[in-house]
Amino acid sequence: MTNADQLSRRERQIMDILYRLGQASAKEVMENMDDAPSYSSVRTLIGKLVEKGHVDHVESGLKYVYFPLVTHDQASRSALGNVVKTFFDDSPYLAVNSLLDMSIHDLSDDQLDELNKLIQARKNKKNSNK
């Protein structure tokens, strides 16, 4: 399977729709796209996603119903890993620092406390594995 960063904008858009809906026909995908291309273009794009190993289908009557082969969590981790590698010298520290700088005023005290608990739990796990 190819990486999510090798998908076109339209292919990523289709994947987002399939993740949101769980499964969908080409017509349903098209109906959920902003500024959708023609039906045949949507079918072609979905076919490329099948070829790349991101999507599969089952027959449902006279139509195919498409679904993602990779979980949303796996895809998001892969995409985030690519962002960290590309923009933050493969440093999670730099990425988290940047995210905090971007959203520090949008985070509540409870959310900051929760982040602190997550950090402490990761530290404890790291130290227990030594």
N, C-alpha and C. Protein backbone atom coordinates (compact mmCIF):
# COMPACT_ATOMS: atom_id res chain seq x y z
N MET A 1 0.84 -1.18 0.00
CA MET A 1 0.00 0.00 0.00
C MET A 1 0.88 1.24 0.00
N THR A 2 0.45 2.24 -0.71
CA THR A 2 1.21 3.48 -0.77
C THR A 2 0.88 4.34 0.44
N ASN A 3 1.72 5.33 0.67
CA ASN A 3 1.49 6.25 1.78
C ASN A 3 0.42 7.26 1.43
N ALA A 4 -0.24 7.76 2.47
CA ALA A 4 -1.31 8.74 2.28
C ALA A 4 -0.78 10.02 1.64
N ASP A 5 0.51 10.32 1.83
CA ASP A 5 1.05 11.55 1.24
C ASP A 5 1.20 11.44 -0.27
N GLN A 6 0.99 10.25 -0.83
CA GLN A 6 1.09 10.07 -2.27
C GLN A 6 -0.28 10.10 -2.94
N LEU A 7 -1.28 10.55 -2.23
CA LEU A 7 -2.62 10.68 -2.78
C LEU A 7 -2.83 12.09 -3.30
N SER A 8 -3.59 12.20 -4.38
CA SER A 8 -3.94 13.52 -4.90
C SER A 8 -4.95 14.17 -3.97
N ARG A 9 -5.21 15.44 -4.19
CA ARG A 9 -6.18 16.16 -3.36
C ARG A 9 -7.55 15.49 -3.45
N ARG A 10 -7.97 15.12 -4.64
CA ARG A 10 -9.27 14.47 -4.83
C ARG A 10 -9.31 13.09 -4.18
N GLU A 11 -8.20 12.36 -4.27
CA GLU A 11 -8.16 11.04 -3.63
C GLU A 11 -8.26 11.19 -2.11
N ARG A 12 -7.57 12.16 -1.55
CA ARG A 12 -7.68 12.40 -0.10
C ARG A 12 -9.10 12.80 0.26
N GLN A 13 -9.73 13.60 -0.59
CA GLN A 13 -11.10 14.01 -0.35
C GLN A 13 -12.03 12.79 -0.32
N ILE A 14 -11.83 11.87 -1.25
CA ILE A 14 -12.64 10.65 -1.28
C ILE A 14 -12.38 9.81 -0.04
N MET A 15 -11.13 9.69 0.36
CA MET A 15 -10.82 8.93 1.57
C MET A 15 -11.49 9.54 2.79
N ASP A 16 -11.48 10.86 2.89
CA ASP A 16 -12.15 11.54 4.00
C ASP A 16 -13.64 11.19 4.02
N ILE A 17 -14.26 11.18 2.85
CA ILE A 17 -15.68 10.85 2.76
C ILE A 17 -15.91 9.41 3.19
N LEU A 18 -15.07 8.49 2.71
CA LEU A 18 -15.25 7.08 3.09
C LEU A 18 -15.02 6.87 4.58
N TYR A 19 -14.06 7.58 5.17
CA TYR A 19 -13.87 7.48 6.61
C TYR A 19 -15.09 8.01 7.35
N ARG A 20 -15.63 9.11 6.89
CA ARG A 20 -16.79 9.71 7.55
C ARG A 20 -18.03 8.83 7.43
N LEU A 21 -18.26 8.27 6.24
CA LEU A 21 -19.45 7.47 6.00
C LEU A 21 -19.27 5.99 6.34
N GLY A 22 -18.03 5.54 6.39
CA GLY A 22 -17.76 4.12 6.64
C GLY A 22 -17.70 3.32 5.35
N GLN A 23 -18.67 3.54 4.49
CA GLN A 23 -18.71 2.93 3.17
C GLN A 23 -19.66 3.74 2.31
N ALA A 24 -19.48 3.68 1.00
CA ALA A 24 -20.33 4.48 0.12
C ALA A 24 -20.19 4.01 -1.32
N SER A 25 -21.25 4.21 -2.08
CA SER A 25 -21.19 3.98 -3.52
C SER A 25 -20.50 5.18 -4.17
N ALA A 26 -20.14 5.03 -5.44
CA ALA A 26 -19.52 6.16 -6.15
C ALA A 26 -20.46 7.35 -6.18
N LYS A 27 -21.75 7.08 -6.35
CA LYS A 27 -22.74 8.17 -6.37
C LYS A 27 -22.78 8.89 -5.03
N GLU A 28 -22.75 8.13 -3.94
CA GLU A 28 -22.77 8.74 -2.60
C GLU A 28 -21.50 9.54 -2.35
N VAL A 29 -20.37 9.02 -2.82
CA VAL A 29 -19.11 9.77 -2.70
C VAL A 29 -19.25 11.10 -3.43
N MET A 30 -19.73 11.04 -4.67
CA MET A 30 -19.88 12.24 -5.49
C MET A 30 -20.81 13.25 -4.81
N GLU A 31 -21.90 12.78 -4.23
CA GLU A 31 -22.86 13.66 -3.56
C GLU A 31 -22.27 14.35 -2.34
N ASN A 32 -21.22 13.77 -1.77
CA ASN A 32 -20.60 14.33 -0.57
C ASN A 32 -19.35 15.14 -0.87
N MET A 33 -19.00 15.29 -2.15
CA MET A 33 -17.81 16.05 -2.53
C MET A 33 -18.16 17.50 -2.79
N ASP A 34 -17.31 18.40 -2.33
CA ASP A 34 -17.42 19.80 -2.70
C ASP A 34 -16.92 19.94 -4.12
N ASP A 35 -17.67 20.65 -4.94
CA ASP A 35 -17.26 20.90 -6.32
C ASP A 35 -16.87 19.59 -7.01
N ALA A 36 -17.80 18.62 -6.95
CA ALA A 36 -17.52 17.28 -7.45
C ALA A 36 -17.28 17.25 -8.95
N PRO A 37 -16.34 16.42 -9.38
CA PRO A 37 -16.16 16.20 -10.82
C PRO A 37 -17.29 15.30 -11.33
N SER A 38 -17.23 14.90 -12.57
CA SER A 38 -18.27 14.04 -13.14
C SER A 38 -18.28 12.68 -12.45
N TYR A 39 -19.37 11.97 -12.62
CA TYR A 39 -19.52 10.63 -12.04
C TYR A 39 -18.41 9.71 -12.53
N SER A 40 -18.12 9.77 -13.83
CA SER A 40 -17.07 8.89 -14.37
C SER A 40 -15.70 9.24 -13.78
N SER A 41 -15.45 10.51 -13.51
CA SER A 41 -14.18 10.92 -12.88
C SER A 41 -14.10 10.39 -11.45
N VAL A 42 -15.21 10.44 -10.73
CA VAL A 42 -15.24 9.90 -9.36
C VAL A 42 -14.95 8.41 -9.39
N ARG A 43 -15.57 7.70 -10.33
CA ARG A 43 -15.34 6.25 -10.45
C ARG A 43 -13.86 5.97 -10.78
N THR A 44 -13.28 6.77 -11.65
CA THR A 44 -11.87 6.60 -12.00
C THR A 44 -10.98 6.83 -10.79
N LEU A 45 -11.26 7.88 -10.03
CA LEU A 45 -10.47 8.18 -8.83
C LEU A 45 -10.60 7.05 -7.80
N ILE A 46 -11.80 6.54 -7.62
CA ILE A 46 -11.99 5.43 -6.68
C ILE A 46 -11.23 4.20 -7.18
N GLY A 47 -11.26 3.97 -8.49
CA GLY A 47 -10.51 2.85 -9.06
C GLY A 47 -9.02 2.95 -8.78
N LYS A 48 -8.49 4.17 -8.83
CA LYS A 48 -7.07 4.38 -8.51
C LYS A 48 -6.80 4.06 -7.04
N LEU A 49 -7.73 4.44 -6.17
CA LEU A 49 -7.57 4.14 -4.74
C LEU A 49 -7.61 2.63 -4.50
N VAL A 50 -8.43 1.91 -5.27
CA VAL A 50 -8.47 0.45 -5.17
C VAL A 50 -7.12 -0.12 -5.62
N GLU A 51 -6.61 0.36 -6.76
CA GLU A 51 -5.32 -0.09 -7.28
C GLU A 51 -4.18 0.16 -6.29
N LYS A 52 -4.23 1.29 -5.61
CA LYS A 52 -3.19 1.66 -4.65
C LYS A 52 -3.32 0.91 -3.33
N GLY A 53 -4.43 0.19 -3.13
CA GLY A 53 -4.61 -0.58 -1.92
C GLY A 53 -5.19 0.17 -0.75
N HIS A 54 -5.78 1.32 -1.00
CA HIS A 54 -6.40 2.10 0.07
C HIS A 54 -7.87 1.76 0.27
N VAL A 55 -8.50 1.27 -0.78
CA VAL A 55 -9.94 1.06 -0.79
C VAL A 55 -10.25 -0.31 -1.40
N ASP A 56 -11.33 -0.93 -0.95
CA ASP A 56 -11.84 -2.14 -1.58
C ASP A 56 -13.34 -1.97 -1.73
N HIS A 57 -13.99 -2.96 -2.29
CA HIS A 57 -15.43 -2.84 -2.53
C HIS A 57 -16.11 -4.19 -2.39
N VAL A 58 -17.42 -4.13 -2.19
CA VAL A 58 -18.29 -5.30 -2.24
C VAL A 58 -19.42 -4.96 -3.19
N GLU A 59 -19.99 -5.98 -3.81
CA GLU A 59 -21.14 -5.75 -4.67
C GLU A 59 -22.38 -5.69 -3.81
N SER A 60 -23.21 -4.71 -4.11
CA SER A 60 -24.49 -4.55 -3.43
C SER A 60 -25.54 -4.31 -4.50
N GLY A 61 -26.18 -5.39 -4.93
CA GLY A 61 -27.12 -5.26 -6.05
C GLY A 61 -26.36 -4.96 -7.32
N LEU A 62 -26.73 -3.89 -7.98
CA LEU A 62 -26.09 -3.50 -9.24
C LEU A 62 -24.94 -2.51 -9.06
N LYS A 63 -24.61 -2.19 -7.82
CA LYS A 63 -23.55 -1.20 -7.59
C LYS A 63 -22.48 -1.76 -6.69
N TYR A 64 -21.33 -1.10 -6.72
CA TYR A 64 -20.24 -1.40 -5.79
C TYR A 64 -20.34 -0.44 -4.62
N VAL A 65 -20.06 -0.97 -3.45
CA VAL A 65 -19.97 -0.15 -2.25
C VAL A 65 -18.51 -0.21 -1.80
N TYR A 66 -17.91 0.97 -1.67
CA TYR A 66 -16.48 1.09 -1.37
C TYR A 66 -16.25 1.38 0.11
N PHE A 67 -15.12 0.89 0.62
CA PHE A 67 -14.77 1.12 2.02
C PHE A 67 -13.26 1.19 2.15
N PRO A 68 -12.76 1.95 3.14
CA PRO A 68 -11.31 2.06 3.33
C PRO A 68 -10.73 0.77 3.90
N LEU A 69 -9.53 0.42 3.48
CA LEU A 69 -8.85 -0.78 3.98
C LEU A 69 -7.99 -0.49 5.20
N VAL A 70 -7.60 0.75 5.38
CA VAL A 70 -6.79 1.15 6.51
C VAL A 70 -7.67 1.93 7.47
N THR A 71 -7.53 1.68 8.76
CA THR A 71 -8.35 2.41 9.72
C THR A 71 -7.99 3.89 9.70
N HIS A 72 -8.93 4.69 10.09
CA HIS A 72 -8.70 6.13 10.15
C HIS A 72 -7.54 6.44 11.09
N ASP A 73 -7.46 5.71 12.20
CA ASP A 73 -6.38 5.93 13.16
C ASP A 73 -5.02 5.64 12.53
N GLN A 74 -4.91 4.53 11.80
CA GLN A 74 -3.65 4.19 11.13
C GLN A 74 -3.28 5.24 10.09
N ALA A 75 -4.27 5.68 9.32
CA ALA A 75 -4.01 6.68 8.28
C ALA A 75 -3.60 8.01 8.90
N SER A 76 -4.25 8.40 10.00
CA SER A 76 -3.91 9.68 10.62
C SER A 76 -2.52 9.63 11.24
N ARG A 77 -2.15 8.49 11.83
CA ARG A 77 -0.80 8.35 12.40
C ARG A 77 0.26 8.42 11.30
N SER A 78 -0.02 7.78 10.18
CA SER A 78 0.91 7.81 9.06
C SER A 78 1.06 9.23 8.52
N ALA A 79 -0.07 9.91 8.34
CA ALA A 79 -0.03 11.28 7.83
C ALA A 79 0.70 12.20 8.80
N LEU A 80 0.42 12.05 10.09
CA LEU A 80 1.08 12.89 11.09
C LEU A 80 2.58 12.60 11.13
N GLY A 81 2.94 11.34 11.01
CA GLY A 81 4.35 10.99 10.95
C GLY A 81 5.06 11.65 9.78
N ASN A 82 4.36 11.70 8.63
CA ASN A 82 4.94 12.36 7.45
C ASN A 82 5.10 13.86 7.68
N VAL A 83 4.13 14.48 8.34
CA VAL A 83 4.22 15.91 8.64
C VAL A 83 5.39 16.18 9.58
N VAL A 84 5.52 15.36 10.62
CA VAL A 84 6.61 15.54 11.58
C VAL A 84 7.96 15.37 10.88
N LYS A 85 8.05 14.37 10.03
CA LYS A 85 9.30 14.12 9.31
C LYS A 85 9.62 15.27 8.35
N THR A 86 8.62 15.74 7.62
CA THR A 86 8.83 16.74 6.57
C THR A 86 9.07 18.14 7.13
N PHE A 87 8.27 18.54 8.11
CA PHE A 87 8.30 19.93 8.56
C PHE A 87 9.00 20.16 9.90
N PHE A 88 9.27 19.09 10.64
CA PHE A 88 9.83 19.27 11.97
C PHE A 88 11.08 18.41 12.20
N ASP A 89 11.83 18.16 11.13
CA ASP A 89 13.08 17.40 11.22
C ASP A 89 12.91 16.08 11.97
N ASP A 90 11.76 15.44 11.78
CA ASP A 90 11.45 14.16 12.42
C ASP A 90 11.46 14.25 13.94
N SER A 91 11.12 15.44 14.47
CA SER A 91 11.14 15.67 15.91
C SER A 91 9.71 15.89 16.45
N PRO A 92 9.18 14.90 17.18
CA PRO A 92 7.87 15.10 17.81
C PRO A 92 7.86 16.30 18.75
N TYR A 93 8.98 16.55 19.41
CA TYR A 93 9.09 17.69 20.32
C TYR A 93 8.79 19.00 19.58
N LEU A 94 9.44 19.20 18.43
CA LEU A 94 9.23 20.42 17.66
C LEU A 94 7.79 20.52 17.17
N ALA A 95 7.21 19.39 16.77
CA ALA A 95 5.83 19.39 16.28
C ALA A 95 4.85 19.75 17.40
N VAL A 96 5.02 19.14 18.55
CA VAL A 96 4.12 19.43 19.68
C VAL A 96 4.28 20.88 20.12
N ASN A 97 5.51 21.35 20.17
CA ASN A 97 5.75 22.74 20.55
C ASN A 97 5.04 23.70 19.59
N SER A 98 5.10 23.39 18.31
CA SER A 98 4.43 24.22 17.31
C SER A 98 2.91 24.18 17.48
N LEU A 99 2.38 22.99 17.73
CA LEU A 99 0.93 22.86 17.95
C LEU A 99 0.48 23.66 19.18
N LEU A 100 1.27 23.58 20.23
CA LEU A 100 0.93 24.34 21.44
C LEU A 100 0.99 25.84 21.18
N ASP A 101 2.00 26.28 20.44
CA ASP A 101 2.08 27.71 20.11
C ASP A 101 0.87 28.16 19.30
N MET A 102 0.40 27.29 18.41
CA MET A 102 -0.74 27.64 17.56
C MET A 102 -2.05 27.72 18.35
N SER A 103 -2.20 26.85 19.35
CA SER A 103 -3.51 26.70 19.96
C SER A 103 -3.55 26.97 21.46
N ILE A 104 -2.51 27.54 22.02
CA ILE A 104 -2.44 27.70 23.47
C ILE A 104 -3.63 28.49 24.02
N HIS A 105 -4.12 29.47 23.28
CA HIS A 105 -5.25 30.26 23.77
C HIS A 105 -6.57 29.55 23.57
N ASP A 106 -6.58 28.50 22.76
CA ASP A 106 -7.80 27.75 22.51
C ASP A 106 -7.97 26.57 23.45
N LEU A 107 -6.92 26.25 24.21
CA LEU A 107 -6.98 25.12 25.12
C LEU A 107 -7.43 25.57 26.50
N SER A 108 -8.38 24.82 27.06
CA SER A 108 -8.85 25.13 28.41
C SER A 108 -7.84 24.62 29.43
N ASP A 109 -7.98 25.07 30.65
CA ASP A 109 -7.10 24.58 31.72
C ASP A 109 -7.27 23.07 31.88
N ASP A 110 -8.50 22.57 31.75
CA ASP A 110 -8.74 21.12 31.85
C ASP A 110 -8.01 20.36 30.75
N GLN A 111 -8.01 20.91 29.53
CA GLN A 111 -7.31 20.25 28.42
C GLN A 111 -5.80 20.27 28.64
N LEU A 112 -5.28 21.37 29.14
CA LEU A 112 -3.85 21.43 29.45
C LEU A 112 -3.49 20.44 30.56
N ASP A 113 -4.36 20.33 31.57
CA ASP A 113 -4.13 19.35 32.63
C ASP A 113 -4.13 17.93 32.06
N GLU A 114 -5.06 17.66 31.14
CA GLU A 114 -5.14 16.34 30.51
C GLU A 114 -3.89 16.04 29.69
N LEU A 115 -3.40 17.03 28.97
CA LEU A 115 -2.15 16.86 28.22
C LEU A 115 -0.99 16.56 29.17
N ASN A 116 -0.95 17.26 30.28
CA ASN A 116 0.09 17.02 31.27
C ASN A 116 0.01 15.58 31.80
N LYS A 117 -1.20 15.08 32.04
CA LYS A 117 -1.37 13.69 32.49
C LYS A 117 -0.87 12.70 31.43
N LEU A 118 -1.17 12.99 30.18
CA LEU A 118 -0.69 12.12 29.10
C LEU A 118 0.83 12.10 29.04
N ILE A 119 1.44 13.25 29.20
CA ILE A 119 2.90 13.33 29.20
C ILE A 119 3.48 12.54 30.37
N GLN A 120 2.90 12.71 31.53
CA GLN A 120 3.38 11.98 32.71
C GLN A 120 3.22 10.47 32.53
N ALA A 121 2.12 10.05 31.95
CA ALA A 121 1.90 8.61 31.70
C ALA A 121 2.94 8.06 30.73
N ARG A 122 3.27 8.83 29.69
CA ARG A 122 4.30 8.40 28.73
C ARG A 122 5.67 8.33 29.40
N LYS A 123 5.95 9.30 30.27
CA LYS A 123 7.22 9.28 31.00
C LYS A 123 7.32 8.03 31.88
N ASN A 124 6.23 7.73 32.60
CA ASN A 124 6.20 6.57 33.48
C ASN A 124 6.37 5.28 32.68
N LYS A 125 5.72 5.21 31.54
CA LYS A 125 5.83 4.02 30.69
C LYS A 125 7.25 3.87 30.17
N LYS A 126 7.83 4.98 29.73
CA LYS A 126 9.21 4.96 29.22
C LYS A 126 10.18 4.50 30.31
N ASN A 127 10.01 5.03 31.52
CA ASN A 127 10.90 4.69 32.62
C ASN A 127 10.72 3.24 33.07
N SER A 128 9.51 2.71 32.97
CA SER A 128 9.28 1.32 33.38
C SER A 128 9.81 0.33 32.36
N ASN A 129 10.05 0.78 31.14
CA ASN A 129 10.59 -0.11 30.10
C ASN A 129 12.10 -0.16 30.09
N LYS A 130 12.74 0.61 30.95
CA LYS A 130 14.22 0.64 30.99
C LYS A 130 14.76 -0.56 31.68
